[in-house]
All heavy atoms as atom14 arrays in JSON, in Angstrom:
{
  "sequence": "IWKDVPGMLNADPKYFQNTQLLSSISYREAIELSYF",
  "atom14_mask": [
    [1, 1, 1, 1, 1, 1, 1, 1, 0, 0, 0, 0, 0, 0],
    [1, 1, 1, 1, 1, 1, 1, 1, 1, 1, 1, 1, 1, 1],
    [1, 1, 1, 1, 1, 1, 1, 1, 1, 0, 0, 0, 0, 0],
    [1, 1, 1, 1, 1, 1, 1, 1, 0, 0, 0, 0, 0, 0],
    [1, 1, 1, 1, 1, 1, 1, 0, 0, 0, 0, 0, 0, 0],
    [1, 1, 1, 1, 1, 1, 1, 0, 0, 0, 0, 0, 0, 0],
    [1, 1, 1, 1, 0, 0, 0, 0, 0, 0, 0, 0, 0, 0],
    [1, 1, 1, 1, 1, 1, 1, 1, 0, 0, 0, 0, 0, 0],
    [1, 1, 1, 1, 1, 1, 1, 1, 0, 0, 0, 0, 0, 0],
    [1, 1, 1, 1, 1, 1, 1, 1, 0, 0, 0, 0, 0, 0],
    [1, 1, 1, 1, 1, 0, 0, 0, 0, 0, 0, 0, 0, 0],
    [1, 1, 1, 1, 1, 1, 1, 1, 0, 0, 0, 0, 0, 0],
    [1, 1, 1, 1, 1, 1, 1, 0, 0, 0, 0, 0, 0, 0],
    [1, 1, 1, 1, 1, 1, 1, 1, 1, 0, 0, 0, 0, 0],
    [1, 1, 1, 1, 1, 1, 1, 1, 1, 1, 1, 1, 0, 0],
    [1, 1, 1, 1, 1, 1, 1, 1, 1, 1, 1, 0, 0, 0],
    [1, 1, 1, 1, 1, 1, 1, 1, 1, 0, 0, 0, 0, 0],
    [1, 1, 1, 1, 1, 1, 1, 1, 0, 0, 0, 0, 0, 0],
    [1, 1, 1, 1, 1, 1, 1, 0, 0, 0, 0, 0, 0, 0],
    [1, 1, 1, 1, 1, 1, 1, 1, 1, 0, 0, 0, 0, 0],
    [1, 1, 1, 1, 1, 1, 1, 1, 0, 0, 0, 0, 0, 0],
    [1, 1, 1, 1, 1, 1, 1, 1, 0, 0, 0, 0, 0, 0],
    [1, 1, 1, 1, 1, 1, 0, 0, 0, 0, 0, 0, 0, 0],
    [1, 1, 1, 1, 1, 1, 0, 0, 0, 0, 0, 0, 0, 0],
    [1, 1, 1, 1, 1, 1, 1, 1, 0, 0, 0, 0, 0, 0],
    [1, 1, 1, 1, 1, 1, 0, 0, 0, 0, 0, 0, 0, 0],
    [1, 1, 1, 1, 1, 1, 1, 1, 1, 1, 1, 1, 0, 0],
    [1, 1, 1, 1, 1, 1, 1, 1, 1, 1, 1, 0, 0, 0],
    [1, 1, 1, 1, 1, 1, 1, 1, 1, 0, 0, 0, 0, 0],
    [1, 1, 1, 1, 1, 0, 0, 0, 0, 0, 0, 0, 0, 0],
    [1, 1, 1, 1, 1, 1, 1, 1, 0, 0, 0, 0, 0, 0],
    [1, 1, 1, 1, 1, 1, 1, 1, 1, 0, 0, 0, 0, 0],
    [1, 1, 1, 1, 1, 1, 1, 1, 0, 0, 0, 0, 0, 0],
    [1, 1, 1, 1, 1, 1, 0, 0, 0, 0, 0, 0, 0, 0],
    [1, 1, 1, 1, 1, 1, 1, 1, 1, 1, 1, 1, 0, 0],
    [1, 1, 1, 1, 1, 1, 1, 1, 1, 1, 1, 0, 0, 0]
  ],
  "atom14_positions": [
    [[-1.61, -13.91, 26.02], [-0.74, -13.4, 25.01], [0.07, -12.22, 25.61], [-0.58, -11.19, 26.08], [-1.5, -12.9, 23.75], [-2.18, -14.11, 23.09], [-0.55, -12.19, 22.74], [-3.05, -13.83, 21.83], [0.0, 0.0, 0.0], [0.0, 0.0, 0.0], [0.0, 0.0, 0.0], [0.0, 0.0, 0.0], [0.0, 0.0, 0.0], [0.0, 0.0, 0.0]],
    [[1.33, -12.43, 25.75], [2.21, -11.43, 26.4], [2.72, -10.43, 25.34], [3.34, -10.81, 24.39], [3.38, -12.13, 27.07], [2.88, -13.01, 28.23], [2.57, -14.36, 28.13], [2.66, -12.62, 29.6], [2.16, -14.8, 29.39], [2.22, -13.73, 30.29], [2.81, -11.44, 30.32], [1.86, -13.76, 31.62], [2.44, -11.38, 31.63], [1.98, -12.55, 32.25]],
    [[2.39, -9.13, 25.52], [2.75, -8.14, 24.52], [3.46, -6.91, 25.23], [3.53, -6.91, 26.44], [1.49, -7.66, 23.81], [0.75, -8.8, 23.08], [-0.43, -8.3, 22.31], [-0.07, -7.88, 20.94], [0.17, -8.92, 19.99], [0.0, 0.0, 0.0], [0.0, 0.0, 0.0], [0.0, 0.0, 0.0], [0.0, 0.0, 0.0], [0.0, 0.0, 0.0]],
    [[3.89, -5.97, 24.4], [4.52, -4.77, 24.95], [3.46, -3.7, 25.16], [3.86, -2.52, 25.23], [5.63, -4.3, 24.08], [5.2, -4.04, 22.62], [3.97, -4.31, 22.3], [6.08, -3.7, 21.76], [0.0, 0.0, 0.0], [0.0, 0.0, 0.0], [0.0, 0.0, 0.0], [0.0, 0.0, 0.0], [0.0, 0.0, 0.0], [0.0, 0.0, 0.0]],
    [[2.24, -4.06, 25.28], [1.18, -3.08, 25.58], [0.48, -3.6, 26.89], [0.57, -4.78, 27.24], [0.16, -2.93, 24.45], [0.8, -2.26, 23.24], [-0.4, -4.29, 24.06], [0.0, 0.0, 0.0], [0.0, 0.0, 0.0], [0.0, 0.0, 0.0], [0.0, 0.0, 0.0], [0.0, 0.0, 0.0], [0.0, 0.0, 0.0], [0.0, 0.0, 0.0]],
    [[-0.22, -2.67, 27.6], [-0.79, -3.11, 28.88], [-2.06, -3.99, 28.75], [-2.51, -4.51, 29.71], [-1.14, -1.78, 29.59], [-1.25, -0.79, 28.5], [-0.3, -1.22, 27.38], [0.0, 0.0, 0.0], [0.0, 0.0, 0.0], [0.0, 0.0, 0.0], [0.0, 0.0, 0.0], [0.0, 0.0, 0.0], [0.0, 0.0, 0.0], [0.0, 0.0, 0.0]],
    [[-2.54, -4.11, 27.53], [-3.74, -4.87, 27.31], [-4.42, -4.36, 26.06], [-3.78, -3.78, 25.21], [0.0, 0.0, 0.0], [0.0, 0.0, 0.0], [0.0, 0.0, 0.0], [0.0, 0.0, 0.0], [0.0, 0.0, 0.0], [0.0, 0.0, 0.0], [0.0, 0.0, 0.0], [0.0, 0.0, 0.0], [0.0, 0.0, 0.0], [0.0, 0.0, 0.0]],
    [[-5.77, -4.57, 25.97], [-6.48, -4.08, 24.85], [-7.05, -2.67, 25.14], [-7.67, -2.48, 26.17], [-7.63, -5.07, 24.5], [-8.03, -5.04, 23.06], [-8.68, -6.67, 22.56], [-9.12, -6.3, 20.86], [0.0, 0.0, 0.0], [0.0, 0.0, 0.0], [0.0, 0.0, 0.0], [0.0, 0.0, 0.0], [0.0, 0.0, 0.0], [0.0, 0.0, 0.0]],
    [[-6.76, -1.78, 24.22], [-7.32, -0.4, 24.37], [-8.53, -0.12, 23.59], [-8.84, -0.89, 22.62], [-6.21, 0.58, 24.03], [-4.88, 0.44, 24.71], [-3.8, 1.3, 24.1], [-4.98, 0.71, 26.23], [0.0, 0.0, 0.0], [0.0, 0.0, 0.0], [0.0, 0.0, 0.0], [0.0, 0.0, 0.0], [0.0, 0.0, 0.0], [0.0, 0.0, 0.0]],
    [[-9.35, 0.89, 23.97], [-10.66, 1.14, 23.29], [-10.36, 1.86, 21.89], [-11.28, 2.02, 21.16], [-11.52, 1.97, 24.13], [-10.97, 3.34, 24.49], [-9.73, 3.6, 24.27], [-11.8, 4.22, 24.99], [0.0, 0.0, 0.0], [0.0, 0.0, 0.0], [0.0, 0.0, 0.0], [0.0, 0.0, 0.0], [0.0, 0.0, 0.0], [0.0, 0.0, 0.0]],
    [[-9.11, 2.19, 21.61], [-8.76, 2.82, 20.3], [-7.31, 2.76, 20.11], [-6.57, 2.45, 21.06], [-9.31, 4.27, 20.22], [0.0, 0.0, 0.0], [0.0, 0.0, 0.0], [0.0, 0.0, 0.0], [0.0, 0.0, 0.0], [0.0, 0.0, 0.0], [0.0, 0.0, 0.0], [0.0, 0.0, 0.0], [0.0, 0.0, 0.0], [0.0, 0.0, 0.0]],
    [[-6.87, 2.92, 18.9], [-5.44, 2.89, 18.6], [-4.72, 4.2, 19.05], [-5.06, 5.31, 18.61], [-5.2, 2.76, 17.01], [-3.78, 2.45, 16.7], [-2.88, 2.88, 17.45], [-3.58, 1.77, 15.67], [0.0, 0.0, 0.0], [0.0, 0.0, 0.0], [0.0, 0.0, 0.0], [0.0, 0.0, 0.0], [0.0, 0.0, 0.0], [0.0, 0.0, 0.0]],
    [[-3.76, 4.06, 20.03], [-3.13, 5.27, 20.62], [-2.36, 6.01, 19.57], [-1.99, 7.18, 19.83], [-2.23, 4.65, 21.71], [-2.06, 3.24, 21.44], [-3.3, 2.79, 20.69], [0.0, 0.0, 0.0], [0.0, 0.0, 0.0], [0.0, 0.0, 0.0], [0.0, 0.0, 0.0], [0.0, 0.0, 0.0], [0.0, 0.0, 0.0], [0.0, 0.0, 0.0]],
    [[-2.04, 5.41, 18.46], [-1.33, 6.16, 17.44], [-2.23, 7.24, 16.86], [-1.7, 8.24, 16.33], [-0.92, 5.19, 16.31], [0.23, 4.28, 16.64], [0.99, 3.81, 15.39], [0.19, 2.78, 14.57], [0.43, 1.37, 14.96], [0.0, 0.0, 0.0], [0.0, 0.0, 0.0], [0.0, 0.0, 0.0], [0.0, 0.0, 0.0], [0.0, 0.0, 0.0]],
    [[-3.45, 7.03, 16.88], [-4.42, 7.99, 16.25], [-5.27, 8.76, 17.24], [-5.91, 9.77, 16.85], [-5.29, 7.28, 15.19], [-4.51, 6.5, 14.16], [-4.5, 5.14, 14.21], [-3.77, 7.17, 13.23], [-3.74, 4.43, 13.25], [-2.99, 6.48, 12.31], [-3.0, 5.14, 12.32], [-2.23, 4.45, 11.38], [0.0, 0.0, 0.0], [0.0, 0.0, 0.0]],
    [[-5.44, 8.24, 18.44], [-6.38, 8.8, 19.42], [-5.61, 9.1, 20.71], [-4.85, 8.3, 21.18], [-7.57, 7.94, 19.65], [-8.4, 7.64, 18.47], [-8.19, 6.56, 17.66], [-9.42, 8.55, 18.07], [-8.91, 6.32, 16.54], [-10.22, 8.32, 17.0], [-9.97, 7.19, 16.2], [0.0, 0.0, 0.0], [0.0, 0.0, 0.0], [0.0, 0.0, 0.0]],
    [[-5.98, 10.26, 21.33], [-5.4, 10.53, 22.68], [-6.39, 9.99, 23.73], [-7.52, 9.65, 23.44], [-5.31, 12.07, 22.88], [-4.17, 12.68, 21.98], [-4.1, 14.2, 22.2], [-5.03, 14.82, 22.49], [-2.87, 14.65, 22.04], [0.0, 0.0, 0.0], [0.0, 0.0, 0.0], [0.0, 0.0, 0.0], [0.0, 0.0, 0.0], [0.0, 0.0, 0.0]],
    [[-5.9, 9.88, 24.94], [-6.67, 9.44, 26.12], [-7.4, 8.11, 25.88], [-8.57, 7.94, 26.21], [-7.77, 10.54, 26.43], [-7.16, 11.89, 26.64], [-6.1, 12.01, 27.2], [-7.77, 12.94, 26.05], [0.0, 0.0, 0.0], [0.0, 0.0, 0.0], [0.0, 0.0, 0.0], [0.0, 0.0, 0.0], [0.0, 0.0, 0.0], [0.0, 0.0, 0.0]],
    [[-6.65, 7.17, 25.22], [-7.2, 5.88, 25.09], [-7.29, 5.21, 26.47], [-6.53, 5.43, 27.37], [-6.32, 4.97, 24.21], [-5.02, 5.04, 24.71], [-6.37, 5.46, 22.78], [0.0, 0.0, 0.0], [0.0, 0.0, 0.0], [0.0, 0.0, 0.0], [0.0, 0.0, 0.0], [0.0, 0.0, 0.0], [0.0, 0.0, 0.0], [0.0, 0.0, 0.0]],
    [[-8.27, 4.28, 26.62], [-8.46, 3.68, 27.91], [-8.29, 2.11, 27.76], [-8.62, 1.54, 26.72], [-9.86, 3.94, 28.4], [-10.06, 5.35, 28.84], [-11.43, 5.6, 29.4], [-12.45, 5.13, 28.78], [-11.55, 6.29, 30.5], [0.0, 0.0, 0.0], [0.0, 0.0, 0.0], [0.0, 0.0, 0.0], [0.0, 0.0, 0.0], [0.0, 0.0, 0.0]],
    [[-7.71, 1.55, 28.84], [-7.54, 0.09, 28.87], [-8.87, -0.58, 29.15], [-9.63, -0.16, 30.01], [-6.57, -0.26, 29.98], [-6.24, -1.76, 30.21], [-5.48, -2.3, 29.04], [-5.52, -1.99, 31.46], [0.0, 0.0, 0.0], [0.0, 0.0, 0.0], [0.0, 0.0, 0.0], [0.0, 0.0, 0.0], [0.0, 0.0, 0.0], [0.0, 0.0, 0.0]],
    [[-9.18, -1.58, 28.35], [-10.43, -2.36, 28.55], [-10.08, -3.55, 29.48], [-9.29, -4.4, 29.05], [-10.98, -2.86, 27.24], [-11.3, -1.77, 26.23], [-11.51, -2.36, 24.8], [-12.53, -0.94, 26.67], [0.0, 0.0, 0.0], [0.0, 0.0, 0.0], [0.0, 0.0, 0.0], [0.0, 0.0, 0.0], [0.0, 0.0, 0.0], [0.0, 0.0, 0.0]],
    [[-10.61, -3.6, 30.66], [-10.23, -4.61, 31.59], [-10.9, -5.93, 31.28], [-10.36, -6.99, 31.45], [-10.54, -4.22, 33.01], [-11.94, -3.96, 33.15], [0.0, 0.0, 0.0], [0.0, 0.0, 0.0], [0.0, 0.0, 0.0], [0.0, 0.0, 0.0], [0.0, 0.0, 0.0], [0.0, 0.0, 0.0], [0.0, 0.0, 0.0], [0.0, 0.0, 0.0]],
    [[-12.14, -5.84, 30.72], [-12.84, -7.08, 30.36], [-13.78, -6.79, 29.19], [-14.59, -5.88, 29.25], [-13.68, -7.67, 31.58], [-14.4, -8.72, 31.2], [0.0, 0.0, 0.0], [0.0, 0.0, 0.0], [0.0, 0.0, 0.0], [0.0, 0.0, 0.0], [0.0, 0.0, 0.0], [0.0, 0.0, 0.0], [0.0, 0.0, 0.0], [0.0, 0.0, 0.0]],
    [[-13.69, -7.63, 28.13], [-14.61, -7.5, 27.04], [-15.03, -8.91, 26.54], [-14.38, -9.96, 26.94], [-14.04, -6.72, 25.84], [-12.72, -7.39, 25.32], [-13.8, -5.25, 26.19], [-12.24, -6.76, 24.02], [0.0, 0.0, 0.0], [0.0, 0.0, 0.0], [0.0, 0.0, 0.0], [0.0, 0.0, 0.0], [0.0, 0.0, 0.0], [0.0, 0.0, 0.0]],
    [[-16.13, -8.99, 25.76], [-16.56, -10.25, 25.23], [-15.76, -10.62, 23.97], [-15.14, -9.75, 23.38], [-18.02, -10.15, 24.91], [-18.24, -9.27, 23.77], [0.0, 0.0, 0.0], [0.0, 0.0, 0.0], [0.0, 0.0, 0.0], [0.0, 0.0, 0.0], [0.0, 0.0, 0.0], [0.0, 0.0, 0.0], [0.0, 0.0, 0.0], [0.0, 0.0, 0.0]],
    [[-15.9, -11.9, 23.67], [-15.27, -12.37, 22.39], [-15.75, -11.53, 21.2], [-15.03, -11.08, 20.32], [-15.64, -13.85, 22.14], [-15.08, -14.81, 23.17], [-15.99, -15.58, 23.93], [-13.74, -15.07, 23.27], [-15.55, -16.48, 24.82], [-13.27, -15.98, 24.21], [-14.14, -16.69, 24.94], [-13.67, -17.61, 25.91], [0.0, 0.0, 0.0], [0.0, 0.0, 0.0]],
    [[-17.11, -11.37, 21.22], [-17.72, -10.56, 20.11], [-17.17, -9.21, 19.97], [-16.85, -8.69, 18.88], [-19.26, -10.52, 20.33], [-19.98, -10.2, 18.99], [-21.5, -10.17, 19.22], [-21.91, -9.0, 19.99], [-23.23, -8.79, 20.3], [-24.14, -9.7, 20.01], [-23.53, -7.7, 20.97], [0.0, 0.0, 0.0], [0.0, 0.0, 0.0], [0.0, 0.0, 0.0]],
    [[-17.02, -8.5, 21.15], [-16.46, -7.14, 21.12], [-15.05, -7.14, 20.63], [-14.61, -6.21, 19.93], [-16.59, -6.52, 22.5], [-18.02, -6.17, 22.95], [-18.14, -5.86, 24.45], [-17.49, -6.57, 25.2], [-18.89, -4.96, 24.77], [0.0, 0.0, 0.0], [0.0, 0.0, 0.0], [0.0, 0.0, 0.0], [0.0, 0.0, 0.0], [0.0, 0.0, 0.0]],
    [[-14.26, -8.17, 21.08], [-12.84, -8.23, 20.65], [-12.72, -8.42, 19.12], [-11.86, -7.78, 18.51], [-12.2, -9.45, 21.34], [0.0, 0.0, 0.0], [0.0, 0.0, 0.0], [0.0, 0.0, 0.0], [0.0, 0.0, 0.0], [0.0, 0.0, 0.0], [0.0, 0.0, 0.0], [0.0, 0.0, 0.0], [0.0, 0.0, 0.0], [0.0, 0.0, 0.0]],
    [[-13.62, -9.19, 18.57], [-13.61, -9.41, 17.12], [-14.04, -8.18, 16.38], [-13.4, -7.73, 15.41], [-14.55, -10.63, 16.72], [-13.91, -11.96, 17.18], [-14.81, -10.64, 15.24], [-14.81, -13.18, 17.06], [0.0, 0.0, 0.0], [0.0, 0.0, 0.0], [0.0, 0.0, 0.0], [0.0, 0.0, 0.0], [0.0, 0.0, 0.0], [0.0, 0.0, 0.0]],
    [[-15.03, -7.46, 16.9], [-15.45, -6.22, 16.37], [-14.34, -5.13, 16.38], [-14.02, -4.52, 15.38], [-16.74, -5.67, 17.07], [-17.95, -6.42, 16.65], [-19.23, -5.98, 17.47], [-19.0, -5.09, 18.32], [-20.23, -6.65, 17.28], [0.0, 0.0, 0.0], [0.0, 0.0, 0.0], [0.0, 0.0, 0.0], [0.0, 0.0, 0.0], [0.0, 0.0, 0.0]],
    [[-13.65, -5.07, 17.53], [-12.6, -4.11, 17.7], [-11.47, -4.4, 16.71], [-10.84, -3.52, 16.1], [-12.0, -4.18, 19.09], [-12.67, -3.29, 20.13], [-12.21, -3.64, 21.52], [-12.41, -1.79, 19.85], [0.0, 0.0, 0.0], [0.0, 0.0, 0.0], [0.0, 0.0, 0.0], [0.0, 0.0, 0.0], [0.0, 0.0, 0.0], [0.0, 0.0, 0.0]],
    [[-11.14, -5.7, 16.5], [-10.1, -6.04, 15.6], [-10.46, -5.71, 14.14], [-9.58, -5.32, 13.39], [-9.68, -7.5, 15.71], [-10.74, -8.34, 15.39], [0.0, 0.0, 0.0], [0.0, 0.0, 0.0], [0.0, 0.0, 0.0], [0.0, 0.0, 0.0], [0.0, 0.0, 0.0], [0.0, 0.0, 0.0], [0.0, 0.0, 0.0], [0.0, 0.0, 0.0]],
    [[-11.72, -5.84, 13.8], [-12.16, -5.47, 12.42], [-12.05, -3.93, 12.24], [-11.83, -3.48, 11.14], [-13.54, -5.94, 12.16], [-13.61, -7.39, 11.74], [-14.49, -8.25, 12.45], [-12.91, -7.87, 10.72], [-14.54, -9.6, 12.09], [-12.96, -9.24, 10.31], [-13.82, -10.08, 10.99], [-13.86, -11.34, 10.66], [0.0, 0.0, 0.0], [0.0, 0.0, 0.0]],
    [[-12.15, -3.23, 13.35], [-12.08, -1.73, 13.19], [-10.62, -1.23, 13.47], [-10.44, -0.08, 13.88], [-13.03, -1.08, 14.17], [-14.44, -1.28, 13.72], [-15.35, -2.03, 14.52], [-14.95, -0.67, 12.58], [-16.68, -2.2, 14.01], [-16.22, -0.81, 12.14], [-17.14, -1.62, 12.84], [0.0, 0.0, 0.0], [0.0, 0.0, 0.0], [0.0, 0.0, 0.0]]
  ]
}
């Protein structure tokens, strides 16, 4: 999925500073992150 962001971050940069790019996560973690 090609987006205007570098990948999936550990938090929403709109609300948190110093967010980090997650280079590899599991399906389960991705689903959990999306629910949050």
